[in-house]
Amino acid sequence: MVEDDALVRWVTTDVLETSGYEVISAQTADEALLILEERNDIRAIVTDINMPGTMNGLEFAALARDCWPDLVIIIASGRVRPSTDELPPKTCFLPKPYSTEDLMRALSSF
């Protein structure tokens, strides 16, 4: 879970953990990238687009897709609505606010 808004990160983490997922959260794409490089058990990423740091969520998702092609990647934003052409391959976009059902459906669609 990559999200700079602490409340959104906390609520989404809680929803995912309640649904049976083990969640590792990060505030920035840079922090998330370090986590991905250190671990080999991460299967999915849910990332915001607008975040502080050296890259935004779209750039992070593209890098993650290149380095870890089997990851499930869900990109979310309440401010930006990227076109299909702007999304990295094999990713899903969820507009915020999204429901628990929308998030679970997106995770299971891969």
N, C-alpha and C. Protein backbone atom coordinates (compact mmCIF):
# COMPACT_ATOMS: atom_id res chain seq x y z
N MET A 1 0.85 -1.16 0.00
CA MET A 1 0.00 0.00 0.00
C MET A 1 0.89 1.23 0.00
N VAL A 2 0.84 2.00 -1.07
CA VAL A 2 1.68 3.19 -1.19
C VAL A 2 0.77 4.41 -1.24
N GLU A 3 0.79 5.17 -0.16
CA GLU A 3 -0.14 6.30 -0.02
C GLU A 3 0.46 7.30 0.96
N ASP A 4 0.50 8.57 0.56
CA ASP A 4 1.07 9.59 1.45
C ASP A 4 0.07 10.12 2.46
N ASP A 5 -1.23 9.97 2.21
CA ASP A 5 -2.25 10.40 3.16
C ASP A 5 -2.40 9.33 4.24
N ALA A 6 -2.04 9.68 5.47
CA ALA A 6 -2.00 8.69 6.56
C ALA A 6 -3.36 8.05 6.81
N LEU A 7 -4.43 8.82 6.75
CA LEU A 7 -5.76 8.28 7.01
C LEU A 7 -6.17 7.29 5.92
N VAL A 8 -5.96 7.65 4.68
CA VAL A 8 -6.30 6.74 3.57
C VAL A 8 -5.45 5.47 3.65
N ARG A 9 -4.17 5.63 3.96
CA ARG A 9 -3.27 4.47 4.09
C ARG A 9 -3.75 3.56 5.21
N TRP A 10 -4.12 4.14 6.35
CA TRP A 10 -4.57 3.36 7.50
C TRP A 10 -5.87 2.62 7.19
N VAL A 11 -6.85 3.32 6.61
CA VAL A 11 -8.15 2.71 6.31
C VAL A 11 -7.98 1.60 5.28
N THR A 12 -7.24 1.86 4.23
CA THR A 12 -7.05 0.84 3.18
C THR A 12 -6.29 -0.36 3.72
N THR A 13 -5.28 -0.12 4.52
CA THR A 13 -4.55 -1.22 5.16
C THR A 13 -5.49 -2.05 6.01
N ASP A 14 -6.33 -1.41 6.79
CA ASP A 14 -7.29 -2.12 7.63
C ASP A 14 -8.25 -2.96 6.80
N VAL A 15 -8.76 -2.39 5.72
CA VAL A 15 -9.68 -3.12 4.83
C VAL A 15 -8.98 -4.35 4.24
N LEU A 16 -7.76 -4.18 3.77
CA LEU A 16 -7.03 -5.29 3.17
C LEU A 16 -6.71 -6.37 4.20
N GLU A 17 -6.28 -5.96 5.39
CA GLU A 17 -5.96 -6.95 6.42
C GLU A 17 -7.21 -7.69 6.88
N THR A 18 -8.33 -6.99 6.99
CA THR A 18 -9.59 -7.63 7.35
C THR A 18 -10.01 -8.64 6.29
N SER A 19 -9.61 -8.39 5.04
CA SER A 19 -9.93 -9.30 3.94
C SER A 19 -8.92 -10.42 3.79
N GLY A 20 -7.95 -10.49 4.71
CA GLY A 20 -7.01 -11.60 4.71
C GLY A 20 -5.66 -11.33 4.09
N TYR A 21 -5.42 -10.11 3.65
CA TYR A 21 -4.13 -9.78 3.05
C TYR A 21 -3.13 -9.34 4.12
N GLU A 22 -1.87 -9.70 3.94
CA GLU A 22 -0.79 -9.13 4.75
C GLU A 22 -0.36 -7.85 4.04
N VAL A 23 -0.32 -6.75 4.76
CA VAL A 23 -0.08 -5.45 4.13
C VAL A 23 1.21 -4.83 4.66
N ILE A 24 2.00 -4.33 3.74
CA ILE A 24 3.16 -3.51 4.07
C ILE A 24 2.88 -2.15 3.46
N SER A 25 2.98 -1.11 4.26
CA SER A 25 2.64 0.21 3.73
C SER A 25 3.86 1.10 3.63
N ALA A 26 3.77 2.05 2.69
CA ALA A 26 4.83 3.03 2.47
C ALA A 26 4.18 4.38 2.19
N GLN A 27 4.88 5.45 2.57
CA GLN A 27 4.36 6.80 2.35
C GLN A 27 4.73 7.36 0.99
N THR A 28 5.80 6.84 0.39
CA THR A 28 6.27 7.35 -0.89
C THR A 28 6.65 6.19 -1.80
N ALA A 29 6.73 6.49 -3.09
CA ALA A 29 7.17 5.49 -4.05
C ALA A 29 8.62 5.08 -3.78
N ASP A 30 9.43 6.03 -3.35
CA ASP A 30 10.83 5.72 -3.04
C ASP A 30 10.93 4.68 -1.92
N GLU A 31 10.13 4.88 -0.88
CA GLU A 31 10.10 3.92 0.24
C GLU A 31 9.59 2.56 -0.23
N ALA A 32 8.55 2.57 -1.06
CA ALA A 32 7.99 1.32 -1.56
C ALA A 32 8.99 0.57 -2.43
N LEU A 33 9.75 1.29 -3.23
CA LEU A 33 10.76 0.66 -4.08
C LEU A 33 11.82 -0.05 -3.24
N LEU A 34 12.24 0.58 -2.16
CA LEU A 34 13.20 -0.06 -1.26
C LEU A 34 12.63 -1.35 -0.67
N ILE A 35 11.36 -1.32 -0.31
CA ILE A 35 10.70 -2.52 0.24
C ILE A 35 10.66 -3.62 -0.81
N LEU A 36 10.29 -3.28 -2.03
CA LEU A 36 10.23 -4.27 -3.11
C LEU A 36 11.61 -4.89 -3.36
N GLU A 37 12.64 -4.08 -3.28
CA GLU A 37 14.00 -4.59 -3.52
C GLU A 37 14.47 -5.52 -2.41
N GLU A 38 13.94 -5.35 -1.20
CA GLU A 38 14.36 -6.15 -0.05
C GLU A 38 13.56 -7.43 0.13
N ARG A 39 12.38 -7.49 -0.44
CA ARG A 39 11.48 -8.63 -0.19
C ARG A 39 11.15 -9.34 -1.49
N ASN A 40 10.86 -10.63 -1.38
CA ASN A 40 10.46 -11.39 -2.57
C ASN A 40 9.08 -11.99 -2.41
N ASP A 41 8.34 -11.54 -1.40
CA ASP A 41 7.02 -12.12 -1.14
C ASP A 41 5.87 -11.16 -1.44
N ILE A 42 6.14 -10.05 -2.09
CA ILE A 42 5.08 -9.09 -2.40
C ILE A 42 4.44 -9.48 -3.72
N ARG A 43 3.13 -9.58 -3.71
CA ARG A 43 2.38 -10.04 -4.88
C ARG A 43 1.55 -8.95 -5.54
N ALA A 44 1.25 -7.87 -4.79
CA ALA A 44 0.38 -6.82 -5.31
C ALA A 44 0.78 -5.46 -4.74
N ILE A 45 0.49 -4.42 -5.51
CA ILE A 45 0.72 -3.04 -5.08
C ILE A 45 -0.56 -2.26 -5.31
N VAL A 46 -0.94 -1.48 -4.32
CA VAL A 46 -1.99 -0.47 -4.48
C VAL A 46 -1.28 0.85 -4.25
N THR A 47 -1.27 1.73 -5.25
CA THR A 47 -0.53 2.98 -5.13
C THR A 47 -1.35 4.19 -5.53
N ASP A 48 -1.16 5.26 -4.79
CA ASP A 48 -1.70 6.56 -5.14
C ASP A 48 -0.85 7.13 -6.28
N ILE A 49 -1.34 8.16 -6.95
CA ILE A 49 -0.55 8.80 -8.01
C ILE A 49 0.24 9.98 -7.46
N ASN A 50 -0.45 10.92 -6.84
CA ASN A 50 0.21 12.15 -6.36
C ASN A 50 0.84 11.92 -5.00
N MET A 51 2.16 11.84 -4.98
CA MET A 51 2.89 11.62 -3.73
C MET A 51 4.19 12.42 -3.76
N PRO A 52 4.72 12.77 -2.59
CA PRO A 52 6.03 13.41 -2.56
C PRO A 52 7.12 12.39 -2.89
N GLY A 53 8.28 12.89 -3.22
CA GLY A 53 9.40 12.01 -3.52
C GLY A 53 9.90 12.21 -4.93
N THR A 54 10.75 11.30 -5.37
CA THR A 54 11.38 11.46 -6.68
C THR A 54 10.53 10.95 -7.84
N MET A 55 9.44 10.24 -7.53
CA MET A 55 8.56 9.75 -8.60
C MET A 55 7.13 9.71 -8.11
N ASN A 56 6.20 9.85 -9.05
CA ASN A 56 4.79 9.73 -8.69
C ASN A 56 4.36 8.27 -8.83
N GLY A 57 3.11 8.01 -8.54
CA GLY A 57 2.61 6.64 -8.57
C GLY A 57 2.62 5.99 -9.94
N LEU A 58 2.38 6.79 -10.99
CA LEU A 58 2.44 6.23 -12.34
C LEU A 58 3.86 5.83 -12.71
N GLU A 59 4.81 6.67 -12.36
CA GLU A 59 6.22 6.34 -12.63
C GLU A 59 6.66 5.13 -11.81
N PHE A 60 6.23 5.09 -10.56
CA PHE A 60 6.54 3.95 -9.70
C PHE A 60 5.94 2.66 -10.27
N ALA A 61 4.67 2.74 -10.70
CA ALA A 61 4.01 1.55 -11.24
C ALA A 61 4.72 1.06 -12.50
N ALA A 62 5.15 1.98 -13.36
CA ALA A 62 5.86 1.59 -14.58
C ALA A 62 7.19 0.91 -14.24
N LEU A 63 7.92 1.46 -13.27
CA LEU A 63 9.18 0.85 -12.84
C LEU A 63 8.95 -0.52 -12.22
N ALA A 64 7.93 -0.60 -11.36
CA ALA A 64 7.61 -1.89 -10.72
C ALA A 64 7.21 -2.93 -11.77
N ARG A 65 6.44 -2.52 -12.78
CA ARG A 65 6.03 -3.44 -13.84
C ARG A 65 7.25 -3.95 -14.58
N ASP A 66 8.20 -3.07 -14.88
CA ASP A 66 9.41 -3.48 -15.60
C ASP A 66 10.27 -4.44 -14.78
N CYS A 67 10.39 -4.17 -13.48
CA CYS A 67 11.28 -4.97 -12.63
C CYS A 67 10.63 -6.23 -12.08
N TRP A 68 9.32 -6.17 -11.84
CA TRP A 68 8.58 -7.29 -11.26
C TRP A 68 7.31 -7.50 -12.10
N PRO A 69 7.45 -8.13 -13.26
CA PRO A 69 6.34 -8.22 -14.22
C PRO A 69 5.12 -8.99 -13.74
N ASP A 70 5.25 -9.81 -12.71
CA ASP A 70 4.11 -10.59 -12.24
C ASP A 70 3.29 -9.91 -11.15
N LEU A 71 3.71 -8.73 -10.71
CA LEU A 71 2.97 -8.02 -9.66
C LEU A 71 1.59 -7.58 -10.15
N VAL A 72 0.62 -7.70 -9.27
CA VAL A 72 -0.68 -7.06 -9.49
C VAL A 72 -0.50 -5.60 -9.11
N ILE A 73 -0.85 -4.68 -9.99
CA ILE A 73 -0.67 -3.26 -9.70
C ILE A 73 -1.99 -2.52 -9.89
N ILE A 74 -2.42 -1.88 -8.81
CA ILE A 74 -3.63 -1.07 -8.84
C ILE A 74 -3.22 0.37 -8.54
N ILE A 75 -3.61 1.27 -9.41
CA ILE A 75 -3.28 2.69 -9.28
C ILE A 75 -4.57 3.43 -8.93
N ALA A 76 -4.50 4.28 -7.91
CA ALA A 76 -5.70 5.00 -7.45
C ALA A 76 -5.41 6.49 -7.35
N SER A 77 -6.45 7.28 -7.62
CA SER A 77 -6.33 8.73 -7.43
C SER A 77 -7.71 9.35 -7.39
N GLY A 78 -7.82 10.40 -6.59
CA GLY A 78 -9.04 11.18 -6.57
C GLY A 78 -8.90 12.46 -7.35
N ARG A 79 -7.70 12.75 -7.81
CA ARG A 79 -7.43 14.00 -8.51
C ARG A 79 -7.10 13.80 -9.98
N VAL A 80 -6.41 12.73 -10.28
CA VAL A 80 -5.94 12.47 -11.64
C VAL A 80 -6.68 11.27 -12.19
N ARG A 81 -7.10 11.35 -13.43
CA ARG A 81 -7.72 10.20 -14.10
C ARG A 81 -6.92 9.92 -15.37
N PRO A 82 -5.90 9.08 -15.24
CA PRO A 82 -5.05 8.81 -16.40
C PRO A 82 -5.81 8.07 -17.50
N SER A 83 -5.43 8.35 -18.72
CA SER A 83 -6.00 7.61 -19.84
C SER A 83 -5.39 6.21 -19.86
N THR A 84 -6.00 5.34 -20.60
CA THR A 84 -5.48 3.97 -20.73
C THR A 84 -4.04 3.99 -21.24
N ASP A 85 -3.74 4.92 -22.14
CA ASP A 85 -2.39 5.03 -22.69
C ASP A 85 -1.36 5.46 -21.65
N GLU A 86 -1.80 6.17 -20.62
CA GLU A 86 -0.88 6.64 -19.58
C GLU A 86 -0.59 5.57 -18.53
N LEU A 87 -1.43 4.54 -18.46
CA LEU A 87 -1.24 3.48 -17.47
C LEU A 87 -0.20 2.48 -17.94
N PRO A 88 0.66 2.02 -17.05
CA PRO A 88 1.58 0.95 -17.42
C PRO A 88 0.79 -0.31 -17.82
N PRO A 89 1.38 -1.19 -18.61
CA PRO A 89 0.69 -2.41 -19.00
C PRO A 89 0.25 -3.23 -17.79
N LYS A 90 -0.86 -3.91 -17.95
CA LYS A 90 -1.39 -4.83 -16.94
C LYS A 90 -1.55 -4.16 -15.58
N THR A 91 -2.13 -2.97 -15.59
CA THR A 91 -2.47 -2.30 -14.34
C THR A 91 -3.95 -1.95 -14.36
N CYS A 92 -4.47 -1.63 -13.20
CA CYS A 92 -5.87 -1.27 -13.06
C CYS A 92 -5.95 0.09 -12.39
N PHE A 93 -6.84 0.95 -12.85
CA PHE A 93 -7.04 2.26 -12.22
C PHE A 93 -8.34 2.25 -11.43
N LEU A 94 -8.27 2.75 -10.18
CA LEU A 94 -9.45 2.92 -9.33
C LEU A 94 -9.58 4.39 -8.97
N PRO A 95 -10.69 5.02 -9.34
CA PRO A 95 -10.89 6.40 -8.90
C PRO A 95 -11.25 6.44 -7.42
N LYS A 96 -10.69 7.42 -6.70
CA LYS A 96 -11.03 7.60 -5.29
C LYS A 96 -12.23 8.53 -5.20
N PRO A 97 -13.08 8.35 -4.24
CA PRO A 97 -13.04 7.27 -3.26
C PRO A 97 -13.55 5.97 -3.88
N TYR A 98 -12.96 4.87 -3.52
CA TYR A 98 -13.40 3.57 -4.01
C TYR A 98 -13.95 2.77 -2.84
N SER A 99 -14.82 1.84 -3.17
CA SER A 99 -15.43 1.00 -2.13
C SER A 99 -14.55 -0.22 -1.87
N THR A 100 -14.80 -0.87 -0.77
CA THR A 100 -14.11 -2.13 -0.46
C THR A 100 -14.35 -3.13 -1.58
N GLU A 101 -15.58 -3.17 -2.06
CA GLU A 101 -15.93 -4.11 -3.14
C GLU A 101 -15.12 -3.81 -4.40
N ASP A 102 -14.99 -2.52 -4.75
CA ASP A 102 -14.21 -2.15 -5.93
C ASP A 102 -12.75 -2.58 -5.78
N LEU A 103 -12.19 -2.38 -4.60
CA LEU A 103 -10.80 -2.76 -4.36
C LEU A 103 -10.63 -4.27 -4.44
N MET A 104 -11.53 -5.02 -3.82
CA MET A 104 -11.43 -6.48 -3.85
C MET A 104 -11.62 -7.01 -5.27
N ARG A 105 -12.54 -6.41 -6.02
CA ARG A 105 -12.77 -6.82 -7.40
C ARG A 105 -11.51 -6.55 -8.24
N ALA A 106 -10.88 -5.40 -8.03
CA ALA A 106 -9.67 -5.07 -8.77
C ALA A 106 -8.54 -6.05 -8.44
N LEU A 107 -8.38 -6.38 -7.17
CA LEU A 107 -7.33 -7.33 -6.77
C LEU A 107 -7.56 -8.72 -7.36
N SER A 108 -8.81 -9.11 -7.46
CA SER A 108 -9.10 -10.46 -7.95
C SER A 108 -9.21 -10.53 -9.47
N SER A 109 -9.12 -9.39 -10.15
CA SER A 109 -9.29 -9.38 -11.61
C SER A 109 -8.04 -9.82 -12.35
N PHE A 110 -6.94 -9.98 -11.65
CA PHE A 110 -5.68 -10.36 -12.30
C PHE A 110 -5.46 -11.84 -12.21
